[in-house]
Amino acid sequence: MASGKGRRRVRVGVLFGGRSVEHEVSIVSAASVIAALDRKKFTVVPIGITREGRWISGPDALRRLRSQSGSARTGRTDLLPDPTVGGLVGRSAGGGRPRVVHLDVVFPVLHGSFGEDGTVQGLLEMAGIPYVGAGVFGSAAGMDKIVTKILWQAAGIPVLPYLTVTDHEYARNRRRIVASAARSPGFPLFVKPSHSGSSIGISKARNRVELSRALSLAFRYDRRVIIEKGIDRAREIEVAVLGNETPVVSVPGEILPSNEFYDYDAKYVDGKSTAIVPARLPAAGVRRIRALARAAFLAVGCEGMARVDFLVHPRTGRVWVSEVNTIPGFTPISMYPKLWEATGLTYPRLLERLIGLALQRSRKTARLRTAYDPKTDWYL
């Protein structure tokens, strides 16, 4: 994979930004990835996507997205769903001949919609370019909190009781839905958009008034919402998973949020949340959490990387799988690289392993047949 003396460096497109409420987090993650990639082994091609969905590339792509200066005057970059191209097609603002930038692999650092949900993965599959992380199905399933719970329940993985609601159902039966959730699962409740990340749109509800407000907030970000049983003072445990068919699992870490739960401000803004790595758990609890993390990763169809989040009862130690994040944060404070650092894998080596896994999967996929020769030309 990566080059030694006399070998060509692997050209890595780092993809970030995007049409998502997690746009800013993605930029910070990408800056960390770009800085940490070993230039002796990799040639880095930054690829930014503006809030409007415009693609830009080049050494100044990070700066342009930070300053929101990716305007029409700066030219455009396209990734065509054509495997014979093998990379980006750049066009200057003044026209001229298109320029192709070859890519050996893409490292998506896109959080949330239009990046973590299978959409970009589908485009990269069509383009025939290897990429880091889960494939189309694993990405789409992992992004959807409702689908992940269905898959985990089918696999016998413990999840908290929950209800699902669509915007159409809520508009027609608000009182009935609030009353039903109040009875079962019962308060306290967490209300979450099914497709949101970074805790955006999530609220805790202790009564019916708060539940109505929480539902109204969640429906600003998604048409499908999950209402999940809350556990008072639950311990928030996170585990990092790395691999394809035979994934390995990091030591667990515990989040001590600065707010009542680990919301967007507690994650990124106030700087007061703390992480304990490794988490202070009994050996049996660590073994169970690591086994469940691996099972949850495989049940959703993840590949490459994922962070699996758990809730642990503060008194009994009972464990529930909460969420999976198929493109976890790579910011300087993100748990995914921190957990691997504590497990003995440095940040640059982690990135190299992820790129290697992407290329390994691509080589296996390339051996599959995409054409079939029937006995007769029946279609002519």
Protein backbone atom coordinates (compact mmCIF):
# COMPACT_ATOMS: atom_id res chain seq x y z
CA MET A 1 0.00 0.00 0.00
CA ALA A 2 2.03 2.93 1.30
CA SER A 3 5.25 3.64 -0.48
CA GLY A 4 8.75 2.72 0.51
CA LYS A 5 11.87 3.96 -1.20
CA GLY A 6 11.36 4.09 -4.95
CA ARG A 7 7.62 3.51 -4.75
CA ARG A 8 4.89 5.96 -5.63
CA ARG A 9 3.06 7.63 -2.77
CA VAL A 10 -0.64 6.82 -2.42
CA ARG A 11 -2.80 9.75 -3.53
CA VAL A 12 -5.50 10.33 -0.88
CA GLY A 13 -8.46 12.64 -1.40
CA VAL A 14 -9.66 13.94 1.98
CA LEU A 15 -13.33 14.85 1.57
CA PHE A 16 -14.93 17.27 4.03
CA GLY A 17 -17.54 20.00 4.63
CA GLY A 18 -20.82 19.11 2.99
CA ARG A 19 -24.51 19.96 3.08
CA SER A 20 -24.97 19.02 6.71
CA VAL A 21 -25.61 20.57 10.11
CA GLU A 22 -22.24 19.01 11.04
CA HIS A 23 -20.37 21.04 8.40
CA GLU A 24 -18.11 22.82 10.92
CA VAL A 25 -17.21 19.62 12.78
CA SER A 26 -16.25 18.02 9.46
CA ILE A 27 -13.83 20.86 8.65
CA VAL A 28 -12.08 20.52 12.02
CA SER A 29 -11.86 16.72 11.61
CA ALA A 30 -10.41 17.08 8.11
CA ALA A 31 -7.78 19.57 9.25
CA SER A 32 -6.56 17.00 11.79
CA VAL A 33 -6.50 14.18 9.24
CA ILE A 34 -4.67 16.25 6.64
CA ALA A 35 -2.05 17.35 9.18
CA ALA A 36 -1.46 13.79 10.45
CA LEU A 37 -1.12 11.91 7.14
CA ASP A 38 2.50 10.88 6.56
CA ARG A 39 3.76 12.82 3.52
CA LYS A 40 6.44 10.21 2.91
CA LYS A 41 3.69 7.70 2.16
CA PHE A 42 0.75 9.79 1.00
CA THR A 43 0.04 12.66 -1.37
CA VAL A 44 -2.91 14.55 0.10
CA VAL A 45 -5.61 16.13 -2.08
CA PRO A 46 -8.01 18.23 0.06
CA ILE A 47 -11.56 18.19 -1.36
CA GLY A 48 -14.11 20.52 0.20
CA ILE A 49 -17.86 20.61 -0.30
CA THR A 50 -19.53 23.94 0.45
CA ARG A 51 -22.82 24.29 2.31
CA GLU A 52 -24.53 24.64 -1.08
CA GLY A 53 -22.95 21.41 -2.35
CA ARG A 54 -20.24 22.90 -4.54
CA TRP A 55 -17.04 20.83 -4.73
CA ILE A 56 -13.66 22.57 -4.56
CA SER A 57 -10.18 21.08 -4.32
CA GLY A 58 -6.58 22.10 -3.94
CA PRO A 59 -4.19 23.17 -1.16
CA ASP A 60 -6.43 26.08 -0.11
CA ALA A 61 -9.70 24.11 0.06
CA LEU A 62 -9.70 24.10 3.87
CA ARG A 63 -9.16 27.85 4.04
CA ARG A 64 -11.86 28.52 1.48
CA LEU A 65 -14.44 26.46 3.33
CA ARG A 66 -13.54 28.07 6.65
CA SER A 67 -13.96 31.51 5.10
CA GLN A 68 -16.98 30.38 3.04
CA SER A 69 -15.26 31.66 -0.10
CA GLY A 70 -15.95 28.68 -2.39
CA SER A 71 -17.82 30.86 -4.86
CA ALA A 72 -18.62 30.30 -8.49
CA ARG A 73 -15.67 32.51 -9.48
CA THR A 74 -13.16 29.95 -8.15
CA GLY A 75 -13.97 27.27 -10.72
CA ARG A 76 -15.42 23.89 -9.98
CA THR A 77 -14.40 20.33 -9.23
CA ASP A 78 -16.54 17.33 -10.14
CA LEU A 79 -16.40 13.66 -9.25
CA LEU A 80 -18.01 11.86 -12.15
CA PRO A 81 -19.75 8.47 -11.68
CA ASP A 82 -17.47 7.08 -14.39
CA PRO A 83 -14.85 4.49 -13.40
CA THR A 84 -12.75 5.23 -16.51
CA VAL A 85 -11.94 8.71 -15.14
CA GLY A 86 -10.45 7.58 -11.82
CA GLY A 87 -10.52 10.91 -10.05
CA LEU A 88 -11.62 14.51 -9.95
CA VAL A 89 -12.33 16.65 -12.98
CA GLY A 90 -11.37 20.27 -12.40
CA ARG A 91 -12.59 23.23 -14.44
CA SER A 92 -11.31 26.77 -14.11
CA ALA A 93 -13.73 29.70 -13.80
CA GLY A 94 -12.62 30.97 -17.21
CA GLY A 95 -13.27 27.70 -18.96
CA GLY A 96 -10.50 25.83 -20.72
CA ARG A 97 -9.62 22.17 -20.89
CA PRO A 98 -10.74 20.04 -17.90
CA ARG A 99 -7.96 18.75 -15.65
CA VAL A 100 -8.16 15.25 -14.15
CA VAL A 101 -6.67 14.65 -10.70
CA HIS A 102 -6.18 10.91 -10.14
CA LEU A 103 -7.15 9.51 -6.74
CA ASP A 104 -6.04 6.16 -5.36
CA VAL A 105 -8.43 6.35 -2.42
CA VAL A 106 -10.83 8.81 -0.78
CA PHE A 107 -10.97 9.43 2.97
CA PRO A 108 -14.47 10.84 3.65
CA VAL A 109 -14.50 13.00 6.76
CA LEU A 110 -18.10 14.04 6.13
CA HIS A 111 -20.35 13.91 9.16
CA GLY A 112 -24.11 13.65 8.83
CA SER A 113 -26.34 13.96 5.79
CA PHE A 114 -24.94 13.74 2.25
CA GLY A 115 -21.73 12.13 3.47
CA GLU A 116 -22.22 9.63 6.24
CA ASP A 117 -25.53 8.24 5.01
CA GLY A 118 -24.46 6.25 1.95
CA THR A 119 -24.94 9.01 -0.63
CA VAL A 120 -21.25 9.86 -1.17
CA GLN A 121 -20.36 6.19 -0.78
CA GLY A 122 -22.70 5.39 -3.67
CA LEU A 123 -21.06 8.05 -5.82
CA LEU A 124 -17.60 6.68 -5.04
CA GLU A 125 -18.78 3.15 -5.88
CA MET A 126 -20.06 4.39 -9.23
CA ALA A 127 -16.77 6.20 -9.84
CA GLY A 128 -14.79 3.06 -8.99
CA ILE A 129 -12.66 4.83 -6.38
CA PRO A 130 -11.77 3.03 -3.11
CA TYR A 131 -12.84 4.83 0.05
CA VAL A 132 -12.37 4.61 3.80
CA GLY A 133 -15.23 3.42 5.98
CA ALA A 134 -18.51 1.59 5.61
CA GLY A 135 -20.07 0.85 2.24
CA VAL A 136 -23.41 2.09 0.96
CA PHE A 137 -25.60 -0.19 3.07
CA GLY A 138 -23.56 0.05 6.27
CA SER A 139 -23.41 3.83 5.98
CA ALA A 140 -27.14 4.20 5.32
CA ALA A 141 -28.11 1.76 8.07
CA GLY A 142 -25.67 3.24 10.58
CA MET A 143 -26.96 6.75 9.97
CA ASP A 144 -30.55 5.73 10.65
CA LYS A 145 -31.08 5.27 14.39
CA ILE A 146 -34.33 3.38 13.81
CA VAL A 147 -32.84 0.93 11.33
CA THR A 148 -29.82 0.25 13.56
CA LYS A 149 -32.08 -0.66 16.46
CA ILE A 150 -34.10 -3.03 14.27
CA LEU A 151 -30.90 -4.74 13.09
CA TRP A 152 -29.51 -4.97 16.62
CA GLN A 153 -32.73 -6.40 18.00
CA ALA A 154 -32.69 -9.06 15.25
CA ALA A 155 -29.11 -9.92 16.26
CA GLY A 156 -30.01 -10.18 19.96
CA ILE A 157 -28.08 -7.04 20.92
CA PRO A 158 -29.62 -5.15 23.88
CA VAL A 159 -31.21 -1.76 23.14
CA LEU A 160 -33.44 0.47 25.26
CA PRO A 161 -37.23 0.50 24.66
CA TYR A 162 -38.25 3.02 22.00
CA LEU A 163 -41.03 4.31 19.77
CA THR A 164 -40.79 5.75 16.26
CA VAL A 165 -42.87 8.61 14.87
CA THR A 166 -43.11 10.22 11.44
CA ASP A 167 -43.93 13.88 10.86
CA HIS A 168 -47.16 12.81 9.13
CA GLU A 169 -48.26 10.73 12.14
CA TYR A 170 -47.35 13.48 14.58
CA ALA A 171 -49.27 16.14 12.65
CA ARG A 172 -52.41 13.99 12.78
CA ASN A 173 -52.19 12.55 16.31
CA ARG A 174 -50.02 14.74 18.54
CA ARG A 175 -51.91 14.18 21.78
CA ARG A 176 -52.22 10.43 21.29
CA ILE A 177 -48.50 10.05 20.52
CA VAL A 178 -47.43 12.11 23.55
CA ALA A 179 -49.81 10.18 25.82
CA SER A 180 -48.61 6.83 24.43
CA ALA A 181 -44.92 7.67 24.95
CA ALA A 182 -45.66 8.92 28.48
CA ARG A 183 -47.15 5.51 29.34
CA SER A 184 -44.53 3.39 27.58
CA PRO A 185 -41.53 3.69 27.46
CA GLY A 186 -42.29 6.33 30.14
CA PHE A 187 -40.30 9.30 31.40
CA PRO A 188 -37.53 10.28 31.27
CA LEU A 189 -37.30 10.11 27.47
CA PHE A 190 -34.79 11.14 24.85
CA VAL A 191 -36.16 12.41 21.54
CA LYS A 192 -33.83 12.20 18.53
CA PRO A 193 -34.01 12.85 14.80
CA SER A 194 -33.41 9.47 13.20
CA HIS A 195 -30.71 10.76 10.82
CA SER A 196 -28.91 13.43 12.84
CA GLY A 197 -25.44 13.34 14.40
CA SER A 198 -23.41 15.33 16.94
CA SER A 199 -26.50 15.31 19.21
CA ILE A 200 -28.13 17.99 17.06
CA GLY A 201 -31.90 18.13 17.56
CA ILE A 202 -31.80 15.82 20.58
CA SER A 203 -33.66 16.68 23.80
CA LYS A 204 -34.39 15.09 27.14
CA ALA A 205 -38.05 15.14 28.22
CA ARG A 206 -39.23 14.64 31.82
CA ASN A 207 -42.92 15.40 31.27
CA ARG A 208 -45.50 15.81 28.51
CA VAL A 209 -44.82 19.52 27.94
CA GLU A 210 -41.11 18.88 27.45
CA LEU A 211 -41.89 15.90 25.23
CA SER A 212 -44.04 18.06 22.92
CA ARG A 213 -41.25 20.63 22.67
CA ALA A 214 -38.65 17.94 22.06
CA LEU A 215 -40.68 16.43 19.22
CA SER A 216 -41.15 19.83 17.59
CA LEU A 217 -37.39 20.40 17.73
CA ALA A 218 -36.50 16.97 16.37
CA PHE A 219 -38.88 17.35 13.43
CA ARG A 220 -36.95 20.45 12.32
CA TYR A 221 -34.10 18.10 11.35
CA ASP A 222 -35.81 14.92 10.18
CA ARG A 223 -39.13 13.47 9.06
CA ARG A 224 -38.65 10.41 11.29
CA VAL A 225 -38.02 10.65 15.02
CA ILE A 226 -37.19 8.12 17.71
CA ILE A 227 -38.46 8.40 21.29
CA GLU A 228 -36.20 6.38 23.53
CA LYS A 229 -36.34 5.41 27.19
CA GLY A 230 -33.84 7.40 29.27
CA ILE A 231 -31.75 6.08 32.17
CA ASP A 232 -31.07 8.61 34.92
CA ARG A 233 -27.35 9.18 35.52
CA ALA A 234 -26.44 6.51 32.96
CA ARG A 235 -22.72 6.15 32.28
CA GLU A 236 -21.83 7.02 28.68
CA ILE A 237 -19.24 4.57 27.34
CA GLU A 238 -17.67 4.68 23.88
CA VAL A 239 -15.64 2.07 22.01
CA ALA A 240 -13.72 2.31 18.72
CA VAL A 241 -13.88 -0.51 16.16
CA LEU A 242 -11.39 -1.02 13.32
CA GLY A 243 -11.42 -3.58 10.51
CA ASN A 244 -13.45 -5.21 7.77
CA GLU A 245 -14.52 -8.85 8.16
CA THR A 246 -12.51 -9.40 11.36
CA PRO A 247 -12.68 -6.10 13.27
CA VAL A 248 -10.70 -5.34 16.42
CA VAL A 249 -12.00 -3.27 19.33
CA SER A 250 -10.29 -0.59 21.42
CA VAL A 251 -10.36 -0.15 25.15
CA PRO A 252 -13.59 1.54 26.31
CA GLY A 253 -13.67 5.20 27.32
CA GLU A 254 -16.17 7.08 29.44
CA ILE A 255 -17.59 10.52 28.70
CA LEU A 256 -18.30 12.87 31.60
CA PRO A 257 -20.47 15.51 29.87
CA SER A 258 -20.50 19.10 31.08
CA ASN A 259 -24.28 19.26 30.51
CA GLU A 260 -27.03 16.91 31.61
CA PHE A 261 -26.29 14.78 28.57
CA TYR A 262 -23.62 14.84 25.86
CA ASP A 263 -25.20 17.46 23.58
CA TYR A 264 -23.55 19.56 20.84
CA ASP A 265 -22.31 22.26 23.26
CA ALA A 266 -20.86 19.66 25.62
CA LYS A 267 -19.10 17.94 22.73
CA TYR A 268 -17.60 20.89 20.91
CA VAL A 269 -18.31 24.32 22.36
CA ASP A 270 -17.83 24.78 26.09
CA GLY A 271 -14.70 22.64 26.42
CA LYS A 272 -15.76 21.39 29.86
CA SER A 273 -16.60 17.76 29.13
CA THR A 274 -13.96 15.22 30.08
CA ALA A 275 -13.09 11.72 28.94
CA ILE A 276 -11.71 8.90 31.05
CA VAL A 277 -9.66 6.54 28.89
CA PRO A 278 -9.65 3.69 29.65
CA ALA A 279 -13.00 3.70 31.44
CA ARG A 280 -13.10 2.48 35.03
CA LEU A 281 -15.09 -0.71 34.54
CA PRO A 282 -14.81 -4.22 35.95
CA ALA A 283 -12.98 -6.69 33.71
CA ALA A 284 -16.20 -8.59 32.98
CA GLY A 285 -17.93 -5.35 31.98
CA VAL A 286 -15.08 -4.46 29.60
CA ARG A 287 -15.23 -7.89 27.97
CA ARG A 288 -18.98 -7.63 27.49
CA ILE A 289 -18.85 -4.12 26.05
CA ARG A 290 -16.07 -5.01 23.61
CA ALA A 291 -17.92 -8.14 22.46
CA LEU A 292 -21.15 -6.18 21.98
CA ALA A 293 -19.30 -3.44 20.07
CA ARG A 294 -17.93 -5.99 17.62
CA ALA A 295 -21.33 -7.63 17.22
CA ALA A 296 -23.06 -4.27 16.72
CA PHE A 297 -20.47 -3.26 14.09
CA LEU A 298 -20.99 -6.45 12.09
CA ALA A 299 -24.80 -6.47 12.45
CA VAL A 300 -25.09 -3.06 10.79
CA GLY A 301 -22.69 -4.00 7.99
CA CYS A 302 -19.94 -1.58 9.01
CA GLU A 303 -16.46 -1.74 7.50
CA GLY A 304 -13.26 0.12 8.15
CA MET A 305 -14.20 2.11 11.20
CA ALA A 306 -16.98 2.97 13.59
CA ARG A 307 -17.48 4.25 17.11
CA VAL A 308 -20.08 2.32 19.09
CA ASP A 309 -21.74 4.09 22.04
CA PHE A 310 -23.19 2.44 25.13
CA LEU A 311 -25.27 3.34 28.14
CA VAL A 312 -24.46 1.58 31.42
CA HIS A 313 -26.81 1.60 34.41
CA PRO A 314 -25.04 3.42 37.27
CA ARG A 315 -25.99 0.84 39.91
CA THR A 316 -26.62 -2.52 38.24
CA GLY A 317 -24.02 -2.23 35.45
CA ARG A 318 -26.57 -3.35 32.88
CA VAL A 319 -25.44 -2.46 29.34
CA TRP A 320 -27.37 -1.21 26.30
CA VAL A 321 -25.99 -0.35 22.87
CA SER A 322 -27.03 3.21 22.06
CA GLU A 323 -25.69 4.30 18.66
CA VAL A 324 -23.07 3.63 16.00
CA ASN A 325 -21.13 6.35 14.20
CA THR A 326 -19.67 5.16 10.88
CA ILE A 327 -17.58 8.31 10.33
CA PRO A 328 -16.55 9.26 13.86
CA GLY A 329 -14.95 12.56 14.68
CA PHE A 330 -11.26 13.06 13.99
CA THR A 331 -10.93 16.42 15.75
CA PRO A 332 -8.18 16.90 18.38
CA ILE A 333 -10.73 16.07 21.11
CA SER A 334 -12.52 13.21 19.34
CA MET A 335 -12.84 9.88 21.13
CA TYR A 336 -12.16 7.58 18.16
CA PRO A 337 -8.44 8.46 17.78
CA LYS A 338 -8.10 8.90 21.55
CA LEU A 339 -9.36 5.36 22.17
CA TRP A 340 -6.93 3.90 19.66
CA GLU A 341 -4.07 5.94 21.09
CA ALA A 342 -4.84 4.40 24.51
CA THR A 343 -4.96 0.94 22.88
CA GLY A 344 -1.49 1.43 21.37
CA LEU A 345 -2.20 2.75 17.87
CA THR A 346 -0.99 6.27 17.10
CA TYR A 347 -3.04 8.73 15.04
CA PRO A 348 -0.82 8.53 11.90
CA ARG A 349 -0.73 4.73 12.09
CA LEU A 350 -4.51 4.63 12.56
CA LEU A 351 -5.01 6.67 9.38
CA GLU A 352 -2.63 4.38 7.51
CA ARG A 353 -4.51 1.29 8.71
CA LEU A 354 -7.83 2.79 7.60
CA ILE A 355 -6.50 3.56 4.13
CA GLY A 356 -5.06 0.05 3.92
CA LEU A 357 -8.45 -1.45 4.81
CA ALA A 358 -10.12 0.61 2.08
CA LEU A 359 -7.64 -0.58 -0.55
CA GLN A 360 -7.94 -4.17 0.68
CA ARG A 361 -11.73 -4.10 0.30
CA SER A 362 -11.41 -2.55 -3.15
CA ARG A 363 -9.09 -5.31 -4.33
CA LYS A 364 -11.56 -7.96 -3.15
CA THR A 365 -14.48 -6.19 -4.81
CA ALA A 366 -12.57 -5.85 -8.08
CA ARG A 367 -12.39 -9.66 -8.33
CA LEU A 368 -16.18 -9.94 -8.39
CA ARG A 369 -17.89 -10.36 -11.74
CA THR A 370 -20.10 -7.56 -12.99
CA ALA A 371 -21.16 -9.26 -16.23
CA TYR A 372 -22.80 -12.55 -17.14
CA ASP A 373 -22.69 -14.31 -20.51
CA PRO A 374 -25.99 -16.13 -21.16
CA LYS A 375 -26.07 -19.21 -23.38
CA THR A 376 -28.00 -17.30 -26.03
CA ASP A 377 -28.26 -13.63 -26.93
CA TRP A 378 -31.90 -13.54 -25.82
CA TYR A 379 -31.92 -9.77 -25.42
CA LEU A 380 -31.11 -8.95 -29.04
